[in-house]
């Protein structure tokens, strides 16, 4: 920096790559296309990054890496529209993490190690029982998923009785078993992006011999994650949904486990029904809380 007034995009990449290993020239260009960066250009079109531009880029990358902020929130803060009243510059300092973390996000990561909690076995039993109930009275071939929907999860719960409540734990009837290559084709992601979802525990496969297979739930997760990735959101940012789901599962487990342990079949059935009802209530509550949190932006 001392030898000349500005750096090229390649020099900026070399400067920041040790601190942010996942930064690439494509990512810097993407941030510029989203209006987060505005480097000066030479007459021939080359970017010129000055000290302020590099500080701004370093802060953006820090917010993504440390605070998992989505680009829209970062952009609002850069424009002075964030909720940080103590900021005295166009954007908070890179080390000012405490003041730059919104209260609503401070609770999403959970206690240390929460993301490593394995899914409880009873959850699978409950989901299967709920699926069986919702398909009672269906034709004998109802276990075959239509080719147009390999996940076996219809857009609407067409098999449920009129007026019945939708159960978010009902995964539908599905016998999907995909290889990695088939999952890549089905979800529309590149191999590297899908592997990244696996590294963060979002997509999980099951080993069978020398091959790993992925079920319908893995397909749904990969497809939904692909939508986030198209908006520039990275796989590591989606981990907050996984952590939140596991914390909610742990809470629901505490509520229904006493009933699940009873030998009375009717008590177990009641536990499964309660679990579905609580999951539906939780889904509605989350949506309402999210609407309220985003009210000023809607």
Protein backbone atom coordinates (compact mmCIF):
# COMPACT_ATOMS: atom_id res chain seq x y z
CA UNK A 1 0.00 0.00 0.00
CA UNK A 2 2.85 2.39 0.73
CA UNK A 3 4.40 1.92 -2.74
CA UNK A 4 1.34 3.12 -4.68
CA UNK A 5 -1.98 4.76 -3.92
CA UNK A 6 -4.21 1.89 -4.96
CA UNK A 7 -4.30 -1.88 -5.49
CA UNK A 8 -5.69 -3.98 -8.30
CA UNK A 9 -8.37 -6.59 -7.59
CA UNK A 10 -5.71 -9.32 -7.78
CA UNK A 11 -3.53 -7.53 -5.25
CA UNK A 12 -6.52 -7.07 -2.94
CA UNK A 13 -7.20 -10.81 -3.19
CA UNK A 14 -3.59 -11.60 -2.22
CA UNK A 15 -3.79 -9.15 0.67
CA UNK A 16 -6.96 -10.64 2.18
CA UNK A 17 -6.74 -14.32 1.30
CA UNK A 18 -4.80 -15.35 4.42
CA UNK A 19 -7.44 -13.73 6.63
CA UNK A 20 -10.41 -14.84 4.49
CA UNK A 21 -9.46 -18.10 2.70
CA UNK A 22 -12.79 -18.36 0.88
CA UNK A 23 -12.59 -14.94 -0.78
CA UNK A 24 -12.20 -15.00 -4.56
CA UNK A 25 -12.11 -12.45 -7.37
CA UNK A 26 -15.59 -13.65 -8.36
CA UNK A 27 -16.87 -12.97 -4.85
CA UNK A 28 -15.41 -9.46 -4.81
CA UNK A 29 -17.04 -8.78 -8.18
CA UNK A 30 -20.33 -10.18 -6.86
CA UNK A 31 -20.24 -7.88 -3.83
CA UNK A 32 -19.68 -4.98 -6.22
CA UNK A 33 -22.62 -6.08 -8.40
CA UNK A 34 -24.82 -6.07 -5.28
CA UNK A 35 -23.88 -2.47 -4.51
CA UNK A 36 -21.75 -3.20 -1.44
CA UNK A 37 -18.53 -2.04 -3.10
CA UNK A 38 -17.90 0.77 -5.58
CA UNK A 39 -14.21 0.87 -6.50
CA UNK A 40 -12.94 3.52 -8.83
CA UNK A 41 -12.14 2.46 -12.40
CA UNK A 42 -9.26 3.33 -14.70
CA UNK A 43 -10.10 4.65 -18.21
CA UNK A 44 -9.59 1.10 -19.47
CA UNK A 45 -12.02 -0.33 -16.90
CA UNK A 46 -9.67 -1.83 -14.31
CA UNK A 47 -10.72 -1.54 -10.68
CA UNK A 48 -8.70 0.67 -8.32
CA UNK A 49 -9.01 -0.24 -4.64
CA UNK A 50 -7.92 2.45 -2.20
CA UNK A 51 -7.48 2.06 1.55
CA UNK A 52 -11.11 2.94 2.29
CA UNK A 53 -12.32 0.36 -0.26
CA UNK A 54 -10.16 -2.36 1.31
CA UNK A 55 -11.33 -1.46 4.83
CA UNK A 56 -14.92 -1.62 3.64
CA UNK A 57 -14.36 -5.02 1.97
CA UNK A 58 -12.59 -6.38 5.07
CA UNK A 59 -15.55 -5.32 7.23
CA UNK A 60 -18.05 -6.99 4.87
CA UNK A 61 -16.09 -10.24 4.88
CA UNK A 62 -15.78 -10.10 8.68
CA UNK A 63 -19.55 -9.72 9.10
CA UNK A 64 -20.12 -12.73 6.85
CA UNK A 65 -17.44 -14.85 8.52
CA UNK A 66 -17.95 -13.98 12.19
CA UNK A 67 -21.56 -12.76 12.51
CA UNK A 68 -23.15 -14.68 9.59
CA UNK A 69 -25.00 -11.56 8.45
CA UNK A 70 -26.89 -11.79 5.14
CA UNK A 71 -25.93 -9.35 2.39
CA UNK A 72 -29.13 -7.30 2.75
CA UNK A 73 -28.39 -6.55 6.40
CA UNK A 74 -24.79 -5.71 5.59
CA UNK A 75 -25.88 -3.41 2.78
CA UNK A 76 -28.35 -1.62 5.08
CA UNK A 77 -25.60 -1.05 7.63
CA UNK A 78 -23.21 0.24 5.01
CA UNK A 79 -25.89 2.68 3.93
CA UNK A 80 -26.41 3.82 7.51
CA UNK A 81 -29.74 2.00 7.83
CA UNK A 82 -28.61 -0.53 10.43
CA UNK A 83 -29.58 -0.69 14.09
CA UNK A 84 -26.16 0.27 15.42
CA UNK A 85 -26.69 3.71 17.01
CA UNK A 86 -23.12 3.83 18.23
CA UNK A 87 -21.56 3.66 14.79
CA UNK A 88 -19.68 6.85 13.96
CA UNK A 89 -18.51 5.79 10.49
CA UNK A 90 -20.44 4.66 7.36
CA UNK A 91 -19.93 1.13 8.70
CA UNK A 92 -18.86 -0.18 12.14
CA UNK A 93 -15.26 -1.12 12.74
CA UNK A 94 -14.27 -4.66 11.87
CA UNK A 95 -13.49 -5.41 15.50
CA UNK A 96 -16.72 -3.96 16.85
CA UNK A 97 -18.56 -7.27 16.76
CA UNK A 98 -20.60 -6.82 19.90
CA UNK A 99 -22.35 -3.67 18.68
CA UNK A 100 -22.77 -4.96 15.13
CA UNK A 101 -24.57 -8.16 16.01
CA UNK A 102 -28.35 -7.67 15.99
CA UNK A 103 -30.13 -8.88 19.14
CA UNK A 104 -32.33 -11.18 17.07
CA UNK A 105 -29.27 -13.00 15.72
CA UNK A 106 -27.34 -13.24 18.98
CA UNK A 107 -29.52 -16.14 20.06
CA UNK A 108 -29.47 -18.17 16.84
CA UNK A 109 -26.19 -19.92 17.33
CA UNK A 110 -27.08 -21.51 20.66
CA UNK A 111 -24.67 -22.86 23.23
CA UNK A 112 -21.33 -24.21 22.16
CA UNK A 113 -21.71 -27.62 20.61
CA UNK A 114 -25.46 -27.26 20.10
CA UNK A 115 -25.01 -27.81 16.37
CA UNK A 116 -23.54 -31.25 17.04
CA UNK A 117 -26.66 -32.65 18.73
CA UNK A 118 -27.79 -35.78 16.88
CA UNK A 119 -31.46 -35.94 15.86
CA UNK A 120 -33.46 -37.97 18.40
CA UNK A 121 -34.59 -41.42 17.27
CA UNK A 122 -38.16 -40.81 18.34
CA UNK A 123 -38.46 -37.95 15.86
CA UNK A 124 -38.22 -40.36 12.94
CA UNK A 125 -40.82 -42.64 14.56
CA UNK A 126 -43.15 -39.70 15.10
CA UNK A 127 -42.76 -38.47 11.54
CA UNK A 128 -43.48 -41.94 10.15
CA UNK A 129 -46.54 -42.30 12.33
CA UNK A 130 -47.78 -38.86 11.31
CA UNK A 131 -47.23 -39.74 7.66
CA UNK A 132 -49.17 -42.98 8.08
CA UNK A 133 -52.09 -41.13 9.71
CA UNK A 134 -52.26 -38.52 6.97
CA UNK A 135 -52.38 -41.22 4.29
CA UNK A 136 -55.06 -43.37 5.91
CA UNK A 137 -57.66 -44.26 3.34
CA UNK A 138 -55.33 -43.52 0.41
CA UNK A 139 -55.25 -45.91 -2.55
CA UNK A 140 -53.04 -48.97 -2.28
CA UNK A 141 -50.42 -47.47 -4.61
CA UNK A 142 -50.08 -44.29 -2.55
CA UNK A 143 -46.58 -45.29 -1.50
CA UNK A 144 -45.30 -44.61 -5.00
CA UNK A 145 -44.10 -41.04 -5.40
CA UNK A 146 -45.01 -39.34 -8.70
CA UNK A 147 -42.02 -38.93 -11.01
CA UNK A 148 -42.56 -35.15 -11.12
CA UNK A 149 -41.97 -34.90 -7.38
CA UNK A 150 -39.19 -37.29 -6.34
CA UNK A 151 -39.17 -35.99 -2.79
CA UNK A 152 -42.65 -37.39 -2.24
CA UNK A 153 -43.71 -34.12 -0.59
CA UNK A 154 -46.66 -32.51 -2.37
CA UNK A 155 -46.99 -28.73 -2.55
CA UNK A 156 -50.29 -29.02 -0.72
CA UNK A 157 -51.43 -31.73 1.66
CA UNK A 158 -53.91 -33.21 -0.79
CA UNK A 159 -54.23 -36.44 1.19
CA UNK A 160 -55.27 -34.77 4.41
CA UNK A 161 -58.93 -34.60 5.31
CA UNK A 162 -60.63 -31.23 4.71
CA UNK A 163 -60.19 -28.93 7.67
CA UNK A 164 -57.35 -30.98 9.17
CA UNK A 165 -54.19 -29.17 10.32
CA UNK A 166 -51.05 -29.49 8.24
CA UNK A 167 -48.32 -31.38 10.07
CA UNK A 168 -44.84 -30.02 9.26
CA UNK A 169 -43.34 -33.31 10.44
CA UNK A 170 -45.23 -35.23 7.77
CA UNK A 171 -42.53 -35.94 5.18
CA UNK A 172 -44.98 -37.77 2.95
CA UNK A 173 -44.48 -41.20 1.44
CA UNK A 174 -41.15 -41.45 -0.34
CA UNK A 175 -38.71 -44.14 -1.36
CA UNK A 176 -36.16 -41.79 -2.90
CA UNK A 177 -32.58 -43.04 -2.87
CA UNK A 178 -30.13 -40.90 -4.85
CA UNK A 179 -26.42 -41.12 -5.43
CA UNK A 180 -24.34 -37.97 -5.08
CA UNK A 181 -24.35 -37.40 -8.84
CA UNK A 182 -28.12 -37.88 -9.03
CA UNK A 183 -28.63 -35.45 -6.14
CA UNK A 184 -26.45 -32.87 -7.91
CA UNK A 185 -28.61 -33.15 -11.02
CA UNK A 186 -31.87 -33.04 -9.05
CA UNK A 187 -31.07 -29.97 -6.94
CA UNK A 188 -29.20 -27.99 -9.59
CA UNK A 189 -26.10 -27.33 -7.48
CA UNK A 190 -22.48 -27.75 -8.47
CA UNK A 191 -20.55 -30.60 -6.84
CA UNK A 192 -18.51 -28.18 -4.73
CA UNK A 193 -21.59 -26.37 -3.38
CA UNK A 194 -23.29 -29.62 -2.45
CA UNK A 195 -20.13 -30.84 -0.69
CA UNK A 196 -20.12 -27.58 1.24
CA UNK A 197 -23.68 -28.23 2.41
CA UNK A 198 -22.48 -31.64 3.59
CA UNK A 199 -19.53 -30.14 5.47
CA UNK A 200 -21.88 -27.92 7.45
CA UNK A 201 -24.18 -30.86 8.25
CA UNK A 202 -27.14 -29.60 6.22
CA UNK A 203 -27.23 -32.44 3.69
CA UNK A 204 -26.62 -35.89 5.15
CA UNK A 205 -26.08 -39.13 3.24
CA UNK A 206 -26.20 -42.73 4.39
CA UNK A 207 -23.40 -45.13 3.51
CA UNK A 208 -24.31 -48.46 1.95
CA UNK A 209 -21.28 -50.49 0.95
CA UNK A 210 -18.95 -48.32 -1.10
CA UNK A 211 -21.67 -45.86 -2.06
CA UNK A 212 -23.45 -43.04 -0.22
CA UNK A 213 -27.15 -42.52 -0.82
CA UNK A 214 -29.38 -39.52 -0.11
CA UNK A 215 -33.07 -39.64 0.75
CA UNK A 216 -35.97 -37.34 -0.11
CA UNK A 217 -35.29 -35.09 2.87
CA UNK A 218 -31.73 -34.49 1.66
CA UNK A 219 -33.16 -33.56 -1.74
CA UNK A 220 -35.61 -31.06 -0.26
CA UNK A 221 -32.87 -29.47 1.87
CA UNK A 222 -30.50 -29.25 -1.09
CA UNK A 223 -33.18 -27.65 -3.28
CA UNK A 224 -34.10 -25.07 -0.63
CA UNK A 225 -30.43 -24.34 0.07
CA UNK A 226 -29.86 -23.81 -3.66
CA UNK A 227 -32.40 -20.98 -3.53
CA UNK A 228 -30.44 -19.27 -0.76
CA UNK A 229 -27.16 -19.75 -2.60
CA UNK A 230 -28.58 -18.06 -5.69
CA UNK A 231 -28.96 -14.91 -3.56
CA UNK A 232 -25.28 -14.96 -2.60
CA UNK A 233 -25.90 -16.53 0.81
CA UNK A 234 -23.28 -19.11 1.70
CA UNK A 235 -23.76 -22.59 3.10
CA UNK A 236 -22.23 -21.63 6.45
CA UNK A 237 -24.91 -18.97 6.87
CA UNK A 238 -27.61 -21.66 6.58
CA UNK A 239 -26.21 -23.48 9.59
CA UNK A 240 -28.28 -21.22 11.83
CA UNK A 241 -31.42 -22.96 10.49
CA UNK A 242 -29.93 -26.34 11.37
CA UNK A 243 -28.95 -25.22 14.87
CA UNK A 244 -32.39 -23.67 15.41
CA UNK A 245 -34.15 -26.85 14.27
CA UNK A 246 -32.03 -29.01 16.57
CA UNK A 247 -32.68 -26.74 19.56
CA UNK A 248 -36.41 -26.85 18.83
CA UNK A 249 -36.27 -30.65 18.49
CA UNK A 250 -34.53 -30.87 21.86
CA UNK A 251 -37.24 -28.76 23.47
CA UNK A 252 -40.09 -30.78 21.94
CA UNK A 253 -38.35 -33.97 23.00
CA UNK A 254 -38.50 -32.83 26.63
CA UNK A 255 -42.23 -32.11 26.26
CA UNK A 256 -43.31 -35.41 24.72
CA UNK A 257 -40.69 -37.85 25.99
CA UNK A 258 -42.65 -38.76 29.17
CA UNK A 259 -45.58 -39.81 26.98
CA UNK A 260 -43.32 -41.63 24.51
CA UNK A 261 -41.90 -43.77 27.33
CA UNK A 262 -45.29 -45.09 28.38
CA UNK A 263 -46.17 -48.61 27.26
CA UNK A 264 -49.77 -47.69 26.57
CA UNK A 265 -50.13 -47.46 22.74
CA UNK A 266 -52.74 -44.74 23.12
CA UNK A 267 -50.26 -42.61 25.11
CA UNK A 268 -47.67 -42.97 22.37
CA UNK A 269 -50.24 -42.05 19.75
CA UNK A 270 -51.18 -39.00 21.81
CA UNK A 271 -47.50 -38.05 22.01
CA UNK A 272 -47.16 -38.23 18.23
CA UNK A 273 -50.27 -36.08 17.76
CA UNK A 274 -49.02 -33.58 20.33
CA UNK A 275 -45.66 -33.44 18.62
CA UNK A 276 -47.27 -32.64 15.27
CA UNK A 277 -49.48 -29.98 16.82
CA UNK A 278 -46.56 -28.32 18.62
CA UNK A 279 -44.46 -28.40 15.46
CA UNK A 280 -47.26 -26.69 13.52
CA UNK A 281 -47.64 -24.07 16.26
CA UNK A 282 -43.89 -23.49 16.23
CA UNK A 283 -43.90 -23.03 12.47
CA UNK A 284 -46.66 -20.43 12.69
CA UNK A 285 -45.01 -18.68 15.63
CA UNK A 286 -41.68 -18.41 13.80
CA UNK A 287 -43.40 -16.91 10.77
CA UNK A 288 -45.19 -14.32 12.93
CA UNK A 289 -42.00 -13.40 14.79
CA UNK A 290 -40.12 -13.08 11.50
CA UNK A 291 -42.82 -10.83 10.06
CA UNK A 292 -42.63 -8.62 13.12
CA UNK A 293 -38.84 -8.47 13.00
CA UNK A 294 -38.93 -7.49 9.30
CA UNK A 295 -41.92 -5.18 9.56
CA UNK A 296 -39.90 -2.06 8.82
CA UNK A 297 -38.55 -3.62 5.62
CA UNK A 298 -41.78 -5.09 4.24
